[in-house]
């Protein structure tokens, strides 16, 4: 039996700092990331992320091809213009002013998928909630995000793209469901306050709005 580590108060404070400083980064330095550092962060996500039935359904695709990157950027711009049509007045002006992706600057691009037909885990825990495979992949993204922050690397999760277009572009199997497109690199600026809060889009809610008892 292994001995559990002693997570002292100093560690707990540092852990809370990690959560606080994990931000959705949209502005990146163009400096390249060491390949071994990217692989280290990916390995942490793949080895330590929780998954339903130990299925490990996450699939990280490094997008190195400039043409594929350019196609994703073009699709983002199309989808972003269409999303702008959902807002009117001051909200539309504010939306148009927001920088919602770092596709031009981030040196590393990663498309993340969930293998919805994986044989790993033998279906344990999925018969009643098959969507837990996607939840597991989302957990892996968050693990990657936190690990990256610990190494001084920023991550931006881009969701304003057409999932089918990205899947087709990456030539992935049909059973792989697109989860998100990650921009990864050193942050151009550091701030513990979410960017959407700083720019007046949405304040963080009070705890009472999210926690209930029955």
N, C-alpha and C. Protein backbone atom coordinates (compact mmCIF):
# COMPACT_ATOMS: atom_id res chain seq x y z
N UNK A 1 0.85 -1.19 0.00
CA UNK A 1 0.00 0.00 0.00
C UNK A 1 0.88 1.25 0.00
N UNK A 2 0.58 2.18 -0.87
CA UNK A 2 1.35 3.41 -0.93
C UNK A 2 0.95 4.34 0.21
N UNK A 3 1.89 5.16 0.61
CA UNK A 3 1.62 6.16 1.64
C UNK A 3 1.18 7.46 0.99
N UNK A 4 0.03 7.99 1.39
CA UNK A 4 -0.47 9.23 0.80
C UNK A 4 0.41 10.39 1.21
N UNK A 5 0.68 11.33 0.32
CA UNK A 5 1.50 12.48 0.67
C UNK A 5 0.77 13.41 1.64
N UNK A 6 1.55 14.21 2.33
CA UNK A 6 0.98 15.19 3.25
C UNK A 6 0.82 16.51 2.49
N UNK A 7 -0.40 16.84 2.13
CA UNK A 7 -0.66 18.10 1.44
C UNK A 7 -0.82 19.19 2.50
N UNK A 8 0.28 19.86 2.83
CA UNK A 8 0.25 20.84 3.90
C UNK A 8 -0.42 22.14 3.44
N UNK A 9 -0.54 23.10 4.37
CA UNK A 9 -1.24 24.34 4.07
C UNK A 9 -0.56 25.12 2.96
N UNK A 10 0.77 25.08 2.92
CA UNK A 10 1.50 25.79 1.86
C UNK A 10 1.14 25.22 0.49
N UNK A 11 1.05 23.89 0.42
CA UNK A 11 0.66 23.27 -0.85
C UNK A 11 -0.77 23.65 -1.24
N UNK A 12 -1.67 23.63 -0.26
CA UNK A 12 -3.07 23.98 -0.55
C UNK A 12 -3.19 25.40 -1.06
N UNK A 13 -2.40 26.31 -0.49
CA UNK A 13 -2.41 27.70 -0.96
C UNK A 13 -1.90 27.78 -2.39
N UNK A 14 -0.84 27.04 -2.69
CA UNK A 14 -0.29 27.02 -4.04
C UNK A 14 -1.30 26.42 -5.03
N UNK A 15 -2.01 25.38 -4.58
CA UNK A 15 -3.00 24.76 -5.45
C UNK A 15 -4.11 25.75 -5.78
N UNK A 16 -4.54 26.50 -4.78
CA UNK A 16 -5.57 27.51 -5.05
C UNK A 16 -5.04 28.59 -5.98
N UNK A 17 -3.76 28.94 -5.85
CA UNK A 17 -3.14 29.89 -6.78
C UNK A 17 -3.18 29.36 -8.20
N UNK A 18 -2.93 28.05 -8.35
CA UNK A 18 -2.96 27.44 -9.68
C UNK A 18 -4.35 27.57 -10.29
N UNK A 19 -5.37 27.28 -9.52
CA UNK A 19 -6.75 27.44 -10.02
C UNK A 19 -7.03 28.90 -10.37
N UNK A 20 -6.58 29.80 -9.50
CA UNK A 20 -6.87 31.22 -9.70
C UNK A 20 -6.18 31.77 -10.94
N UNK A 21 -4.97 31.32 -11.21
CA UNK A 21 -4.19 31.86 -12.32
C UNK A 21 -4.36 31.07 -13.62
N UNK A 22 -5.17 30.01 -13.58
CA UNK A 22 -5.48 29.33 -14.83
C UNK A 22 -6.50 30.18 -15.59
N UNK A 23 -6.05 30.78 -16.65
CA UNK A 23 -6.92 31.68 -17.41
C UNK A 23 -7.06 31.18 -18.84
N UNK A 24 -8.16 31.58 -19.46
CA UNK A 24 -8.37 31.28 -20.87
C UNK A 24 -7.60 32.34 -21.66
N UNK A 25 -6.44 31.94 -22.18
CA UNK A 25 -5.52 32.89 -22.80
C UNK A 25 -5.88 33.13 -24.27
N UNK A 26 -5.91 34.39 -24.66
CA UNK A 26 -6.19 34.75 -26.06
C UNK A 26 -5.04 35.51 -26.69
N UNK A 27 -4.12 36.02 -25.86
CA UNK A 27 -2.98 36.78 -26.36
C UNK A 27 -1.70 36.04 -25.98
N UNK A 28 -0.96 35.60 -27.01
CA UNK A 28 0.23 34.78 -26.80
C UNK A 28 1.48 35.45 -27.35
N UNK A 29 2.60 35.15 -26.73
CA UNK A 29 3.88 35.43 -27.35
C UNK A 29 4.08 34.42 -28.48
N UNK A 30 4.79 34.82 -29.51
CA UNK A 30 5.00 33.90 -30.63
C UNK A 30 6.23 33.01 -30.42
N UNK A 31 6.90 33.16 -29.28
CA UNK A 31 8.07 32.32 -28.99
C UNK A 31 7.68 30.85 -29.04
N UNK A 32 8.48 30.02 -29.69
CA UNK A 32 8.15 28.59 -29.75
C UNK A 32 8.24 27.94 -28.38
N UNK A 33 7.42 26.91 -28.19
CA UNK A 33 7.50 26.11 -26.98
C UNK A 33 8.42 24.91 -27.24
N UNK A 34 9.24 24.53 -26.26
CA UNK A 34 10.05 23.32 -26.43
C UNK A 34 9.15 22.11 -26.65
N UNK A 35 9.49 21.29 -27.62
CA UNK A 35 8.67 20.12 -27.93
C UNK A 35 8.56 19.19 -26.74
N UNK A 36 9.66 19.03 -26.00
CA UNK A 36 9.61 18.12 -24.85
C UNK A 36 8.71 18.66 -23.75
N UNK A 37 8.56 19.98 -23.66
CA UNK A 37 7.66 20.56 -22.67
C UNK A 37 6.21 20.28 -23.04
N UNK A 38 5.88 20.46 -24.31
CA UNK A 38 4.52 20.17 -24.78
C UNK A 38 4.20 18.70 -24.54
N UNK A 39 5.14 17.83 -24.87
CA UNK A 39 4.92 16.40 -24.68
C UNK A 39 4.78 16.05 -23.19
N UNK A 40 5.52 16.73 -22.33
CA UNK A 40 5.42 16.50 -20.89
C UNK A 40 4.02 16.85 -20.40
N UNK A 41 3.50 18.00 -20.83
CA UNK A 41 2.17 18.43 -20.39
C UNK A 41 1.10 17.49 -20.94
N UNK A 42 1.25 17.07 -22.18
CA UNK A 42 0.31 16.11 -22.76
C UNK A 42 0.34 14.79 -22.00
N UNK A 43 1.53 14.35 -21.63
CA UNK A 43 1.64 13.07 -20.91
C UNK A 43 0.96 13.15 -19.55
N UNK A 44 1.08 14.30 -18.87
CA UNK A 44 0.40 14.48 -17.59
C UNK A 44 -1.11 14.33 -17.78
N UNK A 45 -1.63 14.99 -18.82
CA UNK A 45 -3.08 14.92 -19.09
C UNK A 45 -3.51 13.50 -19.40
N UNK A 46 -2.74 12.80 -20.21
CA UNK A 46 -3.14 11.46 -20.64
C UNK A 46 -3.01 10.42 -19.52
N UNK A 47 -2.01 10.58 -18.67
CA UNK A 47 -1.75 9.58 -17.63
C UNK A 47 -2.63 9.80 -16.40
N UNK A 48 -2.89 11.07 -16.05
CA UNK A 48 -3.52 11.33 -14.76
C UNK A 48 -4.97 11.81 -14.83
N UNK A 49 -5.50 12.04 -16.01
CA UNK A 49 -6.89 12.49 -16.08
C UNK A 49 -7.85 11.35 -15.72
N UNK A 50 -8.93 11.66 -15.00
CA UNK A 50 -9.92 10.63 -14.68
C UNK A 50 -10.79 10.33 -15.89
N UNK A 51 -11.28 9.10 -15.99
CA UNK A 51 -12.16 8.76 -17.11
C UNK A 51 -13.12 7.66 -16.69
N UNK A 52 -14.31 7.69 -17.26
CA UNK A 52 -15.33 6.71 -16.94
C UNK A 52 -14.84 5.31 -17.35
N UNK A 53 -14.89 4.38 -16.41
CA UNK A 53 -14.48 3.01 -16.70
C UNK A 53 -13.03 2.87 -17.10
N UNK A 54 -12.20 3.85 -16.76
CA UNK A 54 -10.80 3.88 -17.19
C UNK A 54 -10.68 3.76 -18.71
N UNK A 55 -11.60 4.44 -19.39
CA UNK A 55 -11.69 4.32 -20.85
C UNK A 55 -10.69 5.18 -21.59
N UNK A 56 -10.19 6.24 -20.96
CA UNK A 56 -9.21 7.15 -21.58
C UNK A 56 -9.60 7.53 -23.02
N UNK A 57 -10.76 8.15 -23.20
CA UNK A 57 -11.26 8.40 -24.55
C UNK A 57 -10.67 9.64 -25.23
N UNK A 58 -9.85 10.40 -24.53
CA UNK A 58 -9.30 11.62 -25.13
C UNK A 58 -8.34 11.32 -26.26
N UNK A 59 -8.39 12.17 -27.27
CA UNK A 59 -7.48 12.06 -28.41
C UNK A 59 -6.96 13.46 -28.72
N UNK A 60 -5.67 13.69 -28.48
CA UNK A 60 -5.04 14.99 -28.72
C UNK A 60 -4.34 14.96 -30.07
N UNK A 61 -4.72 15.86 -30.95
CA UNK A 61 -4.13 15.92 -32.29
C UNK A 61 -3.30 17.21 -32.40
N UNK A 62 -1.98 17.06 -32.50
CA UNK A 62 -1.13 18.24 -32.71
C UNK A 62 -1.32 18.72 -34.14
N UNK A 63 -1.70 19.97 -34.28
CA UNK A 63 -1.96 20.53 -35.61
C UNK A 63 -0.73 21.34 -36.03
N UNK A 64 0.14 20.72 -36.81
CA UNK A 64 1.38 21.36 -37.23
C UNK A 64 1.32 21.91 -38.65
N UNK A 65 0.40 21.40 -39.45
CA UNK A 65 0.30 21.78 -40.86
C UNK A 65 -0.23 23.21 -40.99
N UNK A 66 0.54 24.15 -41.57
CA UNK A 66 0.09 25.54 -41.72
C UNK A 66 -1.23 25.67 -42.47
N UNK A 67 -1.46 24.80 -43.45
CA UNK A 67 -2.71 24.89 -44.22
C UNK A 67 -3.90 24.53 -43.36
N UNK A 68 -3.76 23.50 -42.54
CA UNK A 68 -4.84 23.14 -41.64
C UNK A 68 -5.10 24.25 -40.62
N UNK A 69 -4.02 24.81 -40.11
CA UNK A 69 -4.18 25.92 -39.16
C UNK A 69 -4.91 27.09 -39.81
N UNK A 70 -4.52 27.41 -41.03
CA UNK A 70 -5.16 28.52 -41.73
C UNK A 70 -6.63 28.26 -41.96
N UNK A 71 -6.98 27.01 -42.26
CA UNK A 71 -8.38 26.66 -42.49
C UNK A 71 -9.19 26.79 -41.20
N UNK A 72 -8.60 26.40 -40.08
CA UNK A 72 -9.29 26.56 -38.79
C UNK A 72 -9.51 28.04 -38.51
N UNK A 73 -8.51 28.86 -38.74
CA UNK A 73 -8.62 30.30 -38.50
C UNK A 73 -9.72 30.90 -39.38
N UNK A 74 -9.75 30.49 -40.64
CA UNK A 74 -10.78 31.00 -41.54
C UNK A 74 -12.17 30.61 -41.07
N UNK A 75 -12.32 29.37 -40.62
CA UNK A 75 -13.62 28.92 -40.13
C UNK A 75 -14.01 29.66 -38.85
N UNK A 76 -13.03 29.90 -37.98
CA UNK A 76 -13.31 30.67 -36.77
C UNK A 76 -13.86 32.05 -37.13
N UNK A 77 -13.25 32.70 -38.09
CA UNK A 77 -13.69 34.04 -38.47
C UNK A 77 -15.11 34.02 -39.02
N UNK A 78 -15.44 32.99 -39.79
CA UNK A 78 -16.81 32.85 -40.31
C UNK A 78 -17.80 32.64 -39.18
N UNK A 79 -17.48 31.69 -38.30
CA UNK A 79 -18.38 31.37 -37.19
C UNK A 79 -18.51 32.54 -36.22
N UNK A 80 -17.43 33.27 -36.03
CA UNK A 80 -17.45 34.41 -35.12
C UNK A 80 -18.34 35.53 -35.66
N UNK A 81 -18.30 35.75 -36.97
CA UNK A 81 -19.18 36.76 -37.57
C UNK A 81 -20.64 36.35 -37.42
N UNK A 82 -20.91 35.06 -37.60
CA UNK A 82 -22.28 34.57 -37.44
C UNK A 82 -22.74 34.69 -35.99
N UNK A 83 -21.83 34.42 -35.04
CA UNK A 83 -22.18 34.54 -33.63
C UNK A 83 -22.50 35.98 -33.26
N UNK A 84 -21.81 36.92 -33.89
CA UNK A 84 -22.06 38.34 -33.63
C UNK A 84 -23.50 38.71 -33.96
N UNK A 85 -24.09 38.05 -34.94
CA UNK A 85 -25.48 38.35 -35.33
C UNK A 85 -26.48 38.00 -34.24
N UNK A 86 -26.06 37.22 -33.24
CA UNK A 86 -26.96 36.85 -32.15
C UNK A 86 -27.12 37.96 -31.11
N UNK A 87 -26.34 39.03 -31.25
CA UNK A 87 -26.38 40.10 -30.27
C UNK A 87 -26.79 41.41 -30.93
N UNK A 88 -27.34 42.31 -30.13
CA UNK A 88 -27.75 43.61 -30.62
C UNK A 88 -27.23 44.70 -29.69
N UNK A 89 -27.20 45.91 -30.20
CA UNK A 89 -26.87 47.08 -29.39
C UNK A 89 -25.50 47.03 -28.77
N UNK A 90 -25.43 47.44 -27.49
CA UNK A 90 -24.15 47.52 -26.79
C UNK A 90 -23.49 46.16 -26.64
N UNK A 91 -24.32 45.11 -26.47
CA UNK A 91 -23.75 43.77 -26.34
C UNK A 91 -23.04 43.36 -27.63
N UNK A 92 -23.61 43.73 -28.77
CA UNK A 92 -22.97 43.43 -30.06
C UNK A 92 -21.65 44.18 -30.20
N UNK A 93 -21.64 45.45 -29.79
CA UNK A 93 -20.41 46.24 -29.86
C UNK A 93 -19.33 45.63 -28.97
N UNK A 94 -19.75 45.21 -27.78
CA UNK A 94 -18.78 44.61 -26.86
C UNK A 94 -18.26 43.29 -27.42
N UNK A 95 -19.17 42.45 -27.94
CA UNK A 95 -18.74 41.17 -28.52
C UNK A 95 -17.73 41.40 -29.63
N UNK A 96 -18.01 42.36 -30.50
CA UNK A 96 -17.12 42.63 -31.64
C UNK A 96 -15.74 43.09 -31.20
N UNK A 97 -15.66 43.67 -30.00
CA UNK A 97 -14.38 44.18 -29.51
C UNK A 97 -13.53 43.12 -28.81
N UNK A 98 -14.14 41.97 -28.50
CA UNK A 98 -13.43 40.94 -27.74
C UNK A 98 -12.49 40.14 -28.63
N UNK A 99 -11.32 39.82 -28.09
CA UNK A 99 -10.41 38.89 -28.77
C UNK A 99 -10.73 37.51 -28.22
N UNK A 100 -11.26 36.65 -29.07
CA UNK A 100 -11.79 35.37 -28.60
C UNK A 100 -10.93 34.17 -28.99
N UNK A 101 -9.80 34.40 -29.61
CA UNK A 101 -8.91 33.29 -29.96
C UNK A 101 -7.51 33.82 -30.23
N UNK A 102 -6.51 32.98 -29.96
CA UNK A 102 -5.12 33.35 -30.22
C UNK A 102 -4.53 32.57 -31.37
N UNK A 103 -5.35 32.31 -32.38
CA UNK A 103 -4.93 31.44 -33.48
C UNK A 103 -3.76 32.00 -34.28
N UNK A 104 -3.63 33.32 -34.33
CA UNK A 104 -2.53 33.93 -35.09
C UNK A 104 -1.20 33.81 -34.36
N UNK A 105 -1.23 33.87 -33.04
CA UNK A 105 0.01 33.99 -32.27
C UNK A 105 0.49 32.68 -31.65
N UNK A 106 -0.45 31.87 -31.19
CA UNK A 106 -0.06 30.68 -30.43
C UNK A 106 0.83 29.75 -31.25
N UNK A 107 2.00 29.36 -30.73
CA UNK A 107 2.89 28.50 -31.50
C UNK A 107 2.43 27.05 -31.59
N UNK A 108 1.57 26.63 -30.67
CA UNK A 108 1.11 25.24 -30.67
C UNK A 108 -0.41 25.21 -30.77
N UNK A 109 -0.91 24.39 -31.69
CA UNK A 109 -2.35 24.18 -31.85
C UNK A 109 -2.64 22.70 -31.63
N UNK A 110 -3.67 22.42 -30.84
CA UNK A 110 -4.05 21.04 -30.56
C UNK A 110 -5.56 20.90 -30.68
N UNK A 111 -6.02 19.99 -31.52
CA UNK A 111 -7.45 19.67 -31.62
C UNK A 111 -7.72 18.46 -30.72
N UNK A 112 -8.76 18.55 -29.91
CA UNK A 112 -9.06 17.49 -28.95
C UNK A 112 -10.38 16.82 -29.30
N UNK A 113 -10.37 15.49 -29.27
CA UNK A 113 -11.54 14.70 -29.62
C UNK A 113 -11.82 13.68 -28.51
N UNK A 114 -13.05 13.20 -28.48
CA UNK A 114 -13.42 12.08 -27.61
C UNK A 114 -13.78 10.89 -28.50
N UNK A 115 -13.13 9.77 -28.27
CA UNK A 115 -13.44 8.55 -29.02
C UNK A 115 -14.69 7.92 -28.41
N UNK A 116 -15.82 8.14 -29.04
CA UNK A 116 -17.11 7.70 -28.47
C UNK A 116 -17.38 6.22 -28.67
N UNK A 117 -16.49 5.53 -29.38
CA UNK A 117 -16.66 4.09 -29.59
C UNK A 117 -15.46 3.29 -29.07
N UNK A 118 -14.68 3.90 -28.20
CA UNK A 118 -13.50 3.19 -27.70
C UNK A 118 -13.89 1.90 -27.00
N UNK A 119 -13.07 0.87 -27.19
CA UNK A 119 -13.29 -0.40 -26.52
C UNK A 119 -12.64 -0.42 -25.13
N UNK A 120 -11.80 0.56 -24.86
CA UNK A 120 -11.18 0.64 -23.54
C UNK A 120 -12.26 0.88 -22.49
N UNK A 121 -12.16 0.18 -21.39
CA UNK A 121 -13.14 0.31 -20.33
C UNK A 121 -14.33 -0.61 -20.48
N UNK A 122 -14.45 -1.25 -21.64
CA UNK A 122 -15.53 -2.23 -21.88
C UNK A 122 -16.91 -1.68 -21.57
N UNK A 123 -17.08 -0.37 -21.76
CA UNK A 123 -18.39 0.23 -21.58
C UNK A 123 -18.80 0.46 -20.14
N UNK A 124 -17.91 0.21 -19.19
CA UNK A 124 -18.27 0.36 -17.77
C UNK A 124 -18.69 1.81 -17.49
N UNK A 125 -19.88 1.95 -16.87
CA UNK A 125 -20.37 3.27 -16.48
C UNK A 125 -20.99 4.08 -17.60
N UNK A 126 -21.10 3.50 -18.80
CA UNK A 126 -21.57 4.27 -19.94
C UNK A 126 -22.97 3.90 -20.41
N UNK A 127 -23.52 2.79 -19.93
CA UNK A 127 -24.80 2.33 -20.45
C UNK A 127 -25.92 3.32 -20.14
N UNK A 128 -25.87 3.95 -18.98
CA UNK A 128 -26.91 4.92 -18.62
C UNK A 128 -26.54 6.33 -19.03
N UNK A 129 -25.24 6.63 -19.09
CA UNK A 129 -24.79 7.98 -19.46
C UNK A 129 -23.61 7.88 -20.42
N UNK A 130 -23.87 7.58 -21.69
CA UNK A 130 -22.77 7.46 -22.65
C UNK A 130 -21.99 8.76 -22.83
N UNK A 131 -22.63 9.89 -22.48
CA UNK A 131 -21.94 11.17 -22.63
C UNK A 131 -20.77 11.33 -21.66
N UNK A 132 -20.64 10.39 -20.69
CA UNK A 132 -19.51 10.47 -19.77
C UNK A 132 -18.17 10.31 -20.49
N UNK A 133 -18.18 9.71 -21.66
CA UNK A 133 -16.94 9.66 -22.46
C UNK A 133 -16.48 11.07 -22.80
N UNK A 134 -17.44 11.92 -23.20
CA UNK A 134 -17.10 13.31 -23.52
C UNK A 134 -16.72 14.09 -22.27
N UNK A 135 -17.41 13.78 -21.16
CA UNK A 135 -17.03 14.43 -19.90
C UNK A 135 -15.58 14.08 -19.56
N UNK A 136 -15.20 12.85 -19.82
CA UNK A 136 -13.84 12.41 -19.51
C UNK A 136 -12.82 13.17 -20.36
N UNK A 137 -13.14 13.36 -21.63
CA UNK A 137 -12.24 14.11 -22.51
C UNK A 137 -12.15 15.57 -22.05
N UNK A 138 -13.27 16.13 -21.59
CA UNK A 138 -13.25 17.50 -21.07
C UNK A 138 -12.37 17.58 -19.83
N UNK A 139 -12.43 16.55 -18.98
CA UNK A 139 -11.55 16.49 -17.82
C UNK A 139 -10.08 16.49 -18.24
N UNK A 140 -9.78 15.78 -19.31
CA UNK A 140 -8.40 15.72 -19.79
C UNK A 140 -7.93 17.09 -20.27
N UNK A 141 -8.84 17.83 -20.91
CA UNK A 141 -8.49 19.19 -21.34
C UNK A 141 -8.16 20.05 -20.12
N UNK A 142 -8.97 19.92 -19.08
CA UNK A 142 -8.74 20.73 -17.89
C UNK A 142 -7.44 20.33 -17.19
N UNK A 143 -7.16 19.03 -17.17
CA UNK A 143 -5.89 18.57 -16.58
C UNK A 143 -4.72 19.15 -17.37
N UNK A 144 -4.83 19.11 -18.70
CA UNK A 144 -3.80 19.70 -19.56
C UNK A 144 -3.64 21.18 -19.24
N UNK A 145 -4.76 21.87 -19.08
CA UNK A 145 -4.78 23.31 -18.82
C UNK A 145 -4.05 23.65 -17.53
N UNK A 146 -4.37 22.92 -16.46
CA UNK A 146 -3.74 23.17 -15.17
C UNK A 146 -2.25 22.84 -15.21
N UNK A 147 -1.90 21.72 -15.83
CA UNK A 147 -0.49 21.35 -15.92
C UNK A 147 0.29 22.39 -16.71
N UNK A 148 -0.30 22.88 -17.80
CA UNK A 148 0.36 23.91 -18.61
C UNK A 148 0.62 25.15 -17.77
N UNK A 149 -0.38 25.57 -17.00
CA UNK A 149 -0.24 26.76 -16.16
C UNK A 149 0.91 26.58 -15.17
N UNK A 150 1.03 25.37 -14.60
CA UNK A 150 2.09 25.10 -13.63
C UNK A 150 3.47 25.24 -14.27
N UNK A 151 3.57 25.03 -15.58
CA UNK A 151 4.83 25.17 -16.30
C UNK A 151 4.97 26.54 -16.96
N UNK A 152 4.08 27.47 -16.60
CA UNK A 152 4.17 28.82 -17.15
C UNK A 152 3.63 28.96 -18.55
N UNK A 153 2.86 27.98 -18.99
CA UNK A 153 2.31 27.96 -20.35
C UNK A 153 0.82 28.31 -20.30
N UNK A 154 0.35 29.09 -21.26
CA UNK A 154 -1.05 29.46 -21.32
C UNK A 154 -1.81 28.61 -22.33
N UNK A 155 -3.11 28.47 -22.09
CA UNK A 155 -3.98 27.70 -22.99
C UNK A 155 -5.25 28.51 -23.25
N UNK A 156 -5.69 28.50 -24.50
CA UNK A 156 -6.97 29.08 -24.86
C UNK A 156 -7.82 28.02 -25.53
N UNK A 157 -9.04 27.83 -25.04
CA UNK A 157 -9.95 26.81 -25.57
C UNK A 157 -10.88 27.49 -26.59
N UNK A 158 -10.69 27.18 -27.86
CA UNK A 158 -11.49 27.79 -28.93
C UNK A 158 -12.67 26.87 -29.24
N UNK A 159 -13.87 27.38 -29.06
CA UNK A 159 -15.07 26.60 -29.38
C UNK A 159 -15.87 27.20 -30.53
N UNK A 160 -15.45 28.38 -31.01
CA UNK A 160 -16.20 29.07 -32.07
C UNK A 160 -15.70 28.57 -33.43
N UNK A 161 -15.87 27.29 -33.65
CA UNK A 161 -15.53 26.65 -34.93
C UNK A 161 -16.56 25.57 -35.20
N UNK A 162 -16.72 25.20 -36.45
CA UNK A 162 -17.66 24.15 -36.83
C UNK A 162 -17.04 22.78 -36.52
N UNK A 163 -17.63 22.00 -35.60
CA UNK A 163 -17.04 20.72 -35.21
C UNK A 163 -16.81 19.76 -36.39
N UNK A 164 -17.78 19.67 -37.29
CA UNK A 164 -17.63 18.75 -38.42
C UNK A 164 -16.49 19.19 -39.32
N UNK A 165 -16.40 20.50 -39.54
CA UNK A 165 -15.33 21.01 -40.39
C UNK A 165 -13.96 20.65 -39.82
N UNK A 166 -13.80 20.82 -38.49
CA UNK A 166 -12.52 20.52 -37.87
C UNK A 166 -12.23 19.02 -37.96
N UNK A 167 -13.23 18.19 -37.69
CA UNK A 167 -13.03 16.75 -37.77
C UNK A 167 -12.64 16.32 -39.18
N UNK A 168 -13.32 16.87 -40.18
CA UNK A 168 -12.99 16.55 -41.57
C UNK A 168 -11.58 17.02 -41.90
N UNK A 169 -11.25 18.21 -41.43
CA UNK A 169 -9.94 18.79 -41.73
C UNK A 169 -8.81 17.96 -41.11
N UNK A 170 -9.06 17.41 -39.93
CA UNK A 170 -8.03 16.62 -39.25
C UNK A 170 -8.03 15.16 -39.68
N UNK A 171 -8.99 14.81 -40.56
CA UNK A 171 -9.06 13.44 -41.09
C UNK A 171 -9.12 12.42 -39.95
N UNK A 172 -10.02 12.68 -39.00
CA UNK A 172 -10.16 11.78 -37.85
C UNK A 172 -11.27 10.77 -38.10
N UNK A 173 -11.27 9.64 -37.40
CA UNK A 173 -12.34 8.64 -37.56
C UNK A 173 -13.70 9.22 -37.20
N UNK A 174 -14.77 8.74 -37.81
CA UNK A 174 -16.11 9.30 -37.55
C UNK A 174 -16.56 9.16 -36.10
N UNK A 175 -16.01 8.19 -35.38
CA UNK A 175 -16.42 7.99 -33.99
C UNK A 175 -15.71 8.95 -33.03
N UNK A 176 -14.76 9.73 -33.53
CA UNK A 176 -14.11 10.74 -32.71
C UNK A 176 -14.95 12.02 -32.74
N UNK A 177 -15.45 12.45 -31.60
CA UNK A 177 -16.28 13.65 -31.53
C UNK A 177 -15.43 14.84 -31.08
N UNK A 178 -15.51 15.92 -31.84
CA UNK A 178 -14.69 17.10 -31.56
C UNK A 178 -15.10 17.74 -30.24
N UNK A 179 -14.10 18.06 -29.42
CA UNK A 179 -14.35 18.68 -28.11
C UNK A 179 -13.91 20.14 -28.06
N UNK A 180 -12.81 20.45 -28.69
CA UNK A 180 -12.33 21.82 -28.65
C UNK A 180 -10.97 21.94 -29.32
N UNK A 181 -10.63 23.18 -29.65
CA UNK A 181 -9.36 23.47 -30.31
C UNK A 181 -8.54 24.32 -29.35
N UNK A 182 -7.36 23.86 -28.99
CA UNK A 182 -6.54 24.54 -28.00
C UNK A 182 -5.41 25.32 -28.64
N UNK A 183 -5.30 26.59 -28.26
CA UNK A 183 -4.14 27.41 -28.59
C UNK A 183 -3.21 27.37 -27.37
N UNK A 184 -1.94 27.10 -27.60
CA UNK A 184 -1.01 26.87 -26.49
C UNK A 184 0.27 27.67 -26.72
N UNK A 185 0.71 28.38 -25.69
CA UNK A 185 1.94 29.16 -25.80
C UNK A 185 2.18 29.96 -24.54
N UNK A 186 3.25 30.72 -24.53
CA UNK A 186 3.52 31.58 -23.39
C UNK A 186 2.59 32.79 -23.44
N UNK A 187 1.92 33.14 -22.33
CA UNK A 187 0.99 34.27 -22.33
C UNK A 187 1.71 35.59 -22.57
N UNK A 188 1.06 36.46 -23.32
CA UNK A 188 1.60 37.80 -23.54
C UNK A 188 1.45 38.65 -22.29
N UNK A 189 0.43 38.37 -21.50
CA UNK A 189 0.20 39.10 -20.26
C UNK A 189 -0.31 38.13 -19.21
N UNK A 190 -0.13 38.50 -17.95
CA UNK A 190 -0.58 37.65 -16.85
C UNK A 190 -1.65 38.41 -16.06
N UNK A 191 -2.75 37.75 -15.75
CA UNK A 191 -3.80 38.36 -14.95
C UNK A 191 -4.65 37.26 -14.34
N UNK A 192 -4.93 37.37 -13.05
CA UNK A 192 -5.72 36.33 -12.40
C UNK A 192 -7.22 36.54 -12.57
N UNK A 193 -7.63 37.67 -13.12
CA UNK A 193 -9.04 37.94 -13.35
C UNK A 193 -9.42 37.51 -14.76
N UNK A 194 -10.50 36.73 -14.92
CA UNK A 194 -10.91 36.30 -16.27
C UNK A 194 -11.07 37.48 -17.21
N UNK A 195 -10.63 37.30 -18.45
CA UNK A 195 -10.66 38.39 -19.42
C UNK A 195 -12.07 38.91 -19.66
N UNK A 196 -13.05 38.02 -19.68
CA UNK A 196 -14.43 38.45 -19.93
C UNK A 196 -14.97 39.28 -18.77
N UNK A 197 -14.43 39.07 -17.58
CA UNK A 197 -14.79 39.93 -16.45
C UNK A 197 -14.13 41.29 -16.63
N UNK A 198 -12.85 41.29 -16.98
CA UNK A 198 -12.11 42.55 -17.13
C UNK A 198 -12.72 43.44 -18.21
N UNK A 199 -13.29 42.83 -19.24
CA UNK A 199 -13.82 43.61 -20.35
C UNK A 199 -15.33 43.85 -20.24
N UNK A 200 -15.91 43.46 -19.11
CA UNK A 200 -17.30 43.80 -18.86
C UNK A 200 -18.33 42.92 -19.50
N UNK A 201 -17.94 41.71 -19.94
CA UNK A 201 -18.92 40.82 -20.57
C UNK A 201 -19.78 40.11 -19.54
N UNK A 202 -19.15 39.59 -18.49
CA UNK A 202 -19.88 38.80 -17.49
C UNK A 202 -19.10 38.76 -16.20
N UNK A 203 -19.74 39.16 -15.11
CA UNK A 203 -19.13 39.04 -13.79
C UNK A 203 -19.25 37.60 -13.30
N UNK A 204 -18.37 37.22 -12.40
CA UNK A 204 -18.49 35.92 -11.76
C UNK A 204 -19.68 35.94 -10.81
N UNK A 205 -20.46 34.86 -10.76
CA UNK A 205 -21.62 34.79 -9.89
C UNK A 205 -21.25 34.49 -8.45
N UNK A 206 -22.16 34.77 -7.56
CA UNK A 206 -21.97 34.45 -6.15
C UNK A 206 -22.21 32.95 -5.93
N UNK A 207 -21.55 32.40 -4.93
CA UNK A 207 -21.63 30.96 -4.67
C UNK A 207 -23.06 30.48 -4.48
N UNK A 208 -23.89 31.34 -3.88
CA UNK A 208 -25.27 30.94 -3.60
C UNK A 208 -26.04 30.59 -4.87
N UNK A 209 -25.57 31.07 -6.01
CA UNK A 209 -26.26 30.79 -7.27
C UNK A 209 -25.97 29.40 -7.80
N UNK A 210 -24.97 28.73 -7.24
CA UNK A 210 -24.51 27.47 -7.81
C UNK A 210 -24.58 26.27 -6.86
N UNK A 211 -24.76 26.50 -5.57
CA UNK A 211 -24.71 25.41 -4.60
C UNK A 211 -26.06 25.30 -3.91
N UNK A 212 -26.62 24.08 -3.89
CA UNK A 212 -27.97 23.86 -3.35
C UNK A 212 -27.97 22.68 -2.38
N UNK A 213 -28.98 22.61 -1.57
CA UNK A 213 -29.17 21.47 -0.68
C UNK A 213 -30.59 20.94 -0.84
N UNK A 214 -30.72 19.64 -0.75
CA UNK A 214 -32.04 19.01 -0.84
C UNK A 214 -32.23 18.03 0.32
